[in-house]
């Protein structure tokens, strides 16, 4: 029985925990919960059987074989690094945090654990990883989102822009993945996943974030050119119960969990 610890017990973390309990109850069990808001962890605890304890992060890692991070970009790298130092597998939802803090890389080199990163709201990462075996000439990402989902981002605080009054699309950011995850930490995990899949520097891909009042779905457009061809991919994803996270990203994490237990592995 695989012991699983969950860090972050809000809307997304709860979805992952309940999916694990529903689909893999004979193979895995949630053995510990951790959340900065203890009330979130206690509410989820009542929905799980058996009721796992709410613990410190240190204790959770000690009691787990696999650690699931569904908290925030601000803590993702710390969770990954501490889990890997303890030779645990770790699945990170808040992928943007891995570009903000690279401490996990040294821990990964010395660890017997594995870092799992879901595709999230992107498609085509298997092809991009294959292209990255050769030489990539260009990697770009354009993310379009309803203005309301960007309102609380730190990157908007520096702009005198009334998002609620937009009548046309406006580019609110253009730059590197490293900079975009600082400016929009809850909105741009896709930029980090693309960067890590392409195996390039966090300053190389060009990223644009567009606030578009005409859309209700999150739209991600990826274009990659390399020595073996070109990939273009467009994804339109409905928001999850947490409007800052795509439903596709949640389901991608559920599928990634399945890769830990399923005996058929599809895709690179």
Protein backbone atom coordinates (compact mmCIF):
# COMPACT_ATOMS: atom_id res chain seq x y z
CA UNK A 1 0.00 0.00 0.00
CA UNK A 2 1.47 3.33 -1.14
CA UNK A 3 1.31 6.03 1.52
CA UNK A 4 0.34 9.44 0.09
CA UNK A 5 0.63 12.80 1.84
CA UNK A 6 -1.29 15.84 0.59
CA UNK A 7 0.02 19.38 0.97
CA UNK A 8 -2.75 21.86 0.21
CA UNK A 9 -6.32 20.80 1.02
CA UNK A 10 -8.33 23.40 -0.87
CA UNK A 11 -10.49 22.82 -3.93
CA UNK A 12 -7.76 21.24 -6.09
CA UNK A 13 -6.11 19.19 -3.37
CA UNK A 14 -9.47 17.81 -2.30
CA UNK A 15 -10.23 16.74 -5.87
CA UNK A 16 -6.93 14.84 -6.05
CA UNK A 17 -7.41 13.15 -2.69
CA UNK A 18 -10.95 12.02 -3.48
CA UNK A 19 -9.92 10.77 -6.95
CA UNK A 20 -7.11 8.76 -5.36
CA UNK A 21 -9.51 7.28 -2.83
CA UNK A 22 -12.08 6.46 -5.53
CA UNK A 23 -9.78 5.02 -8.21
CA UNK A 24 -6.87 3.48 -6.30
CA UNK A 25 -8.18 2.57 -2.86
CA UNK A 26 -6.61 -0.90 -3.05
CA UNK A 27 -3.21 0.48 -4.02
CA UNK A 28 -2.81 3.77 -2.14
CA UNK A 29 -4.09 5.62 0.90
CA UNK A 30 -3.90 9.25 2.06
CA UNK A 31 -1.88 9.00 5.28
CA UNK A 32 -1.37 12.70 6.19
CA UNK A 33 -2.74 16.16 5.39
CA UNK A 34 -1.12 19.57 5.68
CA UNK A 35 -2.49 23.05 4.98
CA UNK A 36 -1.61 26.50 6.31
CA UNK A 37 -5.36 26.90 6.86
CA UNK A 38 -6.00 24.02 9.23
CA UNK A 39 -9.75 24.31 8.67
CA UNK A 40 -9.31 23.20 5.04
CA UNK A 41 -7.42 20.11 6.14
CA UNK A 42 -9.99 19.24 8.82
CA UNK A 43 -12.88 19.52 6.34
CA UNK A 44 -11.16 17.22 3.87
CA UNK A 45 -10.22 14.80 6.64
CA UNK A 46 -13.90 14.12 7.30
CA UNK A 47 -14.43 13.12 3.65
CA UNK A 48 -11.66 10.52 3.59
CA UNK A 49 -11.72 6.95 4.88
CA UNK A 50 -9.93 6.26 7.10
CA UNK A 51 -9.55 9.80 8.47
CA UNK A 52 -5.88 10.79 7.97
CA UNK A 53 -4.16 12.97 10.58
CA UNK A 54 -3.44 16.65 10.01
CA UNK A 55 0.30 17.07 10.55
CA UNK A 56 3.27 19.35 10.06
CA UNK A 57 5.03 19.23 6.69
CA UNK A 58 7.99 17.42 8.26
CA UNK A 59 5.78 14.70 9.71
CA UNK A 60 3.78 14.38 6.50
CA UNK A 61 6.92 13.69 4.49
CA UNK A 62 8.09 11.13 7.05
CA UNK A 63 4.76 9.28 6.81
CA UNK A 64 4.52 9.31 3.01
CA UNK A 65 5.96 7.44 0.05
CA UNK A 66 4.48 10.00 -2.36
CA UNK A 67 3.87 13.69 -1.58
CA UNK A 68 1.24 15.64 -3.56
CA UNK A 69 1.66 19.42 -3.63
CA UNK A 70 -1.53 21.38 -4.38
CA UNK A 71 -0.87 24.45 -2.27
CA UNK A 72 0.76 27.43 -4.01
CA UNK A 73 3.77 28.50 -6.03
CA UNK A 74 5.25 30.11 -2.91
CA UNK A 75 5.76 26.74 -1.23
CA UNK A 76 6.02 24.31 -4.16
CA UNK A 77 9.84 24.32 -4.44
CA UNK A 78 10.26 23.84 -0.69
CA UNK A 79 7.85 20.89 -0.68
CA UNK A 80 9.67 19.36 -3.66
CA UNK A 81 13.14 19.86 -2.18
CA UNK A 82 12.26 18.53 1.28
CA UNK A 83 10.43 15.53 -0.16
CA UNK A 84 13.30 14.68 -2.51
CA UNK A 85 15.88 15.01 0.27
CA UNK A 86 13.85 12.39 2.14
CA UNK A 87 13.93 10.22 -1.02
CA UNK A 88 10.18 10.53 -1.57
CA UNK A 89 8.38 10.84 -4.88
CA UNK A 90 6.63 14.20 -5.23
CA UNK A 91 3.96 15.48 -7.63
CA UNK A 92 3.88 19.27 -8.00
CA UNK A 93 0.75 21.09 -9.16
CA UNK A 94 2.10 24.64 -8.63
CA UNK A 95 4.79 24.19 -11.27
CA UNK A 96 5.55 27.90 -11.50
CA UNK A 97 7.16 27.71 -8.08
CA UNK A 98 9.89 25.47 -9.49
CA UNK A 99 11.12 28.36 -11.65
CA UNK A 100 11.08 30.83 -8.76
CA UNK A 101 13.29 28.67 -6.55
CA UNK A 102 15.75 26.13 -7.99
CA UNK A 103 16.73 24.52 -4.66
CA UNK A 104 14.92 21.35 -5.68
CA UNK A 105 17.38 20.66 -8.50
CA UNK A 106 20.26 19.79 -6.18
CA UNK A 107 17.97 17.67 -4.03
CA UNK A 108 16.75 15.82 -7.12
CA UNK A 109 20.28 14.94 -8.23
CA UNK A 110 20.98 13.25 -4.88
CA UNK A 111 17.55 11.71 -4.35
CA UNK A 112 16.16 8.25 -4.95
CA UNK A 113 12.77 9.93 -5.38
CA UNK A 114 11.14 11.15 -8.59
CA UNK A 115 9.63 14.55 -9.37
CA UNK A 116 6.33 14.28 -11.28
CA UNK A 117 5.05 17.32 -13.21
CA UNK A 118 1.60 17.08 -14.86
CA UNK A 119 1.03 18.54 -18.31
CA UNK A 120 -1.59 20.75 -16.70
CA UNK A 121 -3.65 22.86 -19.06
CA UNK A 122 -1.27 22.24 -22.00
CA UNK A 123 -1.35 19.58 -24.68
CA UNK A 124 1.54 18.54 -26.88
CA UNK A 125 4.26 18.33 -24.22
CA UNK A 126 5.12 14.79 -25.34
CA UNK A 127 5.92 16.10 -28.83
CA UNK A 128 7.84 19.08 -27.46
CA UNK A 129 9.98 16.79 -25.27
CA UNK A 130 10.73 14.70 -28.35
CA UNK A 131 11.68 17.80 -30.37
CA UNK A 132 13.94 18.93 -27.52
CA UNK A 133 16.14 15.86 -28.11
CA UNK A 134 17.42 17.89 -31.06
CA UNK A 135 17.71 21.66 -31.41
CA UNK A 136 14.87 24.07 -30.68
CA UNK A 137 14.93 27.37 -32.52
CA UNK A 138 11.83 29.04 -31.06
CA UNK A 139 9.42 28.41 -28.18
CA UNK A 140 6.48 30.78 -27.58
CA UNK A 141 3.38 30.72 -25.41
CA UNK A 142 0.38 33.04 -25.50
CA UNK A 143 -2.10 32.70 -22.65
CA UNK A 144 -5.51 34.39 -22.90
CA UNK A 145 -7.70 34.62 -19.82
CA UNK A 146 -10.90 36.35 -18.70
CA UNK A 147 -9.86 39.59 -16.97
CA UNK A 148 -11.48 38.63 -13.66
CA UNK A 149 -9.08 35.70 -13.20
CA UNK A 150 -6.08 38.04 -13.38
CA UNK A 151 -7.31 40.80 -11.07
CA UNK A 152 -5.50 39.67 -7.90
CA UNK A 153 -2.15 38.92 -9.56
CA UNK A 154 0.90 40.88 -8.33
CA UNK A 155 1.65 41.79 -11.95
CA UNK A 156 -1.59 43.77 -12.17
CA UNK A 157 -0.89 45.87 -9.08
CA UNK A 158 1.74 47.81 -11.01
CA UNK A 159 -0.59 48.56 -13.93
CA UNK A 160 -3.24 51.26 -13.99
CA UNK A 161 -5.70 49.07 -15.82
CA UNK A 162 -9.36 48.59 -14.92
CA UNK A 163 -9.84 44.98 -15.91
CA UNK A 164 -13.58 45.07 -15.32
CA UNK A 165 -13.99 47.80 -17.91
CA UNK A 166 -12.03 46.25 -20.77
CA UNK A 167 -13.81 46.14 -24.12
CA UNK A 168 -10.97 44.58 -26.14
CA UNK A 169 -8.05 42.19 -25.54
CA UNK A 170 -5.04 43.78 -23.81
CA UNK A 171 -1.54 42.32 -23.44
CA UNK A 172 -0.80 42.60 -19.70
CA UNK A 173 2.57 40.82 -19.79
CA UNK A 174 5.29 39.94 -22.27
CA UNK A 175 8.57 38.41 -21.19
CA UNK A 176 10.24 35.28 -19.82
CA UNK A 177 8.70 32.33 -17.94
CA UNK A 178 10.74 33.24 -14.84
CA UNK A 179 9.25 36.73 -14.81
CA UNK A 180 5.70 35.65 -15.63
CA UNK A 181 5.49 33.22 -12.71
CA UNK A 182 6.44 36.08 -10.40
CA UNK A 183 3.89 38.44 -11.94
CA UNK A 184 1.05 35.88 -12.25
CA UNK A 185 1.91 33.02 -9.85
CA UNK A 186 -1.60 31.52 -9.82
CA UNK A 187 -2.20 31.78 -13.54
CA UNK A 188 0.87 30.62 -15.43
CA UNK A 189 1.90 27.12 -14.39
CA UNK A 190 1.69 26.36 -18.11
CA UNK A 191 4.72 28.57 -18.78
CA UNK A 192 6.79 26.64 -16.26
CA UNK A 193 5.64 23.23 -17.55
CA UNK A 194 6.49 24.26 -21.12
CA UNK A 195 9.94 25.52 -20.07
CA UNK A 196 10.81 22.34 -18.18
CA UNK A 197 9.49 20.10 -20.98
CA UNK A 198 11.53 21.96 -23.59
CA UNK A 199 14.63 21.71 -21.42
CA UNK A 200 15.57 25.34 -22.05
CA UNK A 201 16.57 28.25 -19.86
CA UNK A 202 13.83 29.93 -17.83
CA UNK A 203 14.69 33.16 -19.65
CA UNK A 204 14.38 31.81 -23.19
CA UNK A 205 10.74 31.08 -24.16
CA UNK A 206 8.68 34.18 -24.91
CA UNK A 207 5.44 34.37 -22.97
CA UNK A 208 2.49 36.70 -23.45
CA UNK A 209 -0.50 37.03 -21.12
CA UNK A 210 -3.62 38.59 -22.61
CA UNK A 211 -6.68 39.76 -20.70
CA UNK A 212 -9.59 39.15 -23.07
CA UNK A 213 -13.11 40.26 -22.03
CA UNK A 214 -14.70 38.28 -24.88
CA UNK A 215 -13.73 34.82 -23.58
CA UNK A 216 -14.97 32.61 -20.76
CA UNK A 217 -12.36 29.89 -21.12
CA UNK A 218 -8.61 29.90 -20.57
CA UNK A 219 -6.81 29.69 -23.92
CA UNK A 220 -3.19 28.61 -24.34
CA UNK A 221 -1.41 28.76 -27.70
CA UNK A 222 2.01 27.13 -28.02
CA UNK A 223 4.35 27.29 -30.99
CA UNK A 224 7.65 25.41 -31.12
CA UNK A 225 10.10 25.23 -34.02
CA UNK A 226 13.09 22.92 -34.12
CA UNK A 227 15.42 21.02 -36.41
CA UNK A 228 12.84 18.27 -36.98
CA UNK A 229 9.75 20.36 -37.60
CA UNK A 230 7.15 22.60 -36.02
CA UNK A 231 4.39 22.15 -33.44
CA UNK A 232 1.39 24.43 -33.00
CA UNK A 233 -1.11 23.71 -30.28
CA UNK A 234 -4.17 25.58 -29.00
CA UNK A 235 -6.05 24.54 -25.87
CA UNK A 236 -9.33 26.01 -24.61
CA UNK A 237 -10.09 24.89 -21.08
CA UNK A 238 -13.04 25.67 -18.84
CA UNK A 239 -12.18 26.89 -15.32
CA UNK A 240 -12.40 24.40 -12.46
CA UNK A 241 -14.31 25.09 -9.25
CA UNK A 242 -11.32 27.31 -8.48
CA UNK A 243 -11.58 29.85 -11.35
CA UNK A 244 -7.80 30.45 -11.32
CA UNK A 245 -7.16 26.82 -12.29
CA UNK A 246 -8.28 25.11 -15.49
CA UNK A 247 -10.39 21.98 -15.18
CA UNK A 248 -7.99 20.34 -17.62
CA UNK A 249 -5.10 21.01 -15.20
CA UNK A 250 -6.95 19.21 -12.40
CA UNK A 251 -7.73 16.22 -14.59
CA UNK A 252 -4.14 16.17 -15.84
CA UNK A 253 -2.94 15.78 -12.25
CA UNK A 254 -5.41 12.93 -11.71
CA UNK A 255 -4.02 11.17 -14.79
CA UNK A 256 -0.46 11.76 -13.58
CA UNK A 257 -1.40 10.08 -10.30
CA UNK A 258 -2.65 7.16 -12.35
CA UNK A 259 0.78 6.81 -13.96
CA UNK A 260 2.15 5.90 -10.52
CA UNK A 261 -0.19 2.91 -10.30
CA UNK A 262 -1.40 1.92 -13.75
CA UNK A 263 0.36 -0.88 -15.61
CA UNK A 264 -0.22 0.67 -19.03
CA UNK A 265 1.76 3.83 -19.78
CA UNK A 266 0.72 5.83 -22.85
CA UNK A 267 2.73 8.69 -24.26
CA UNK A 268 6.27 9.82 -23.62
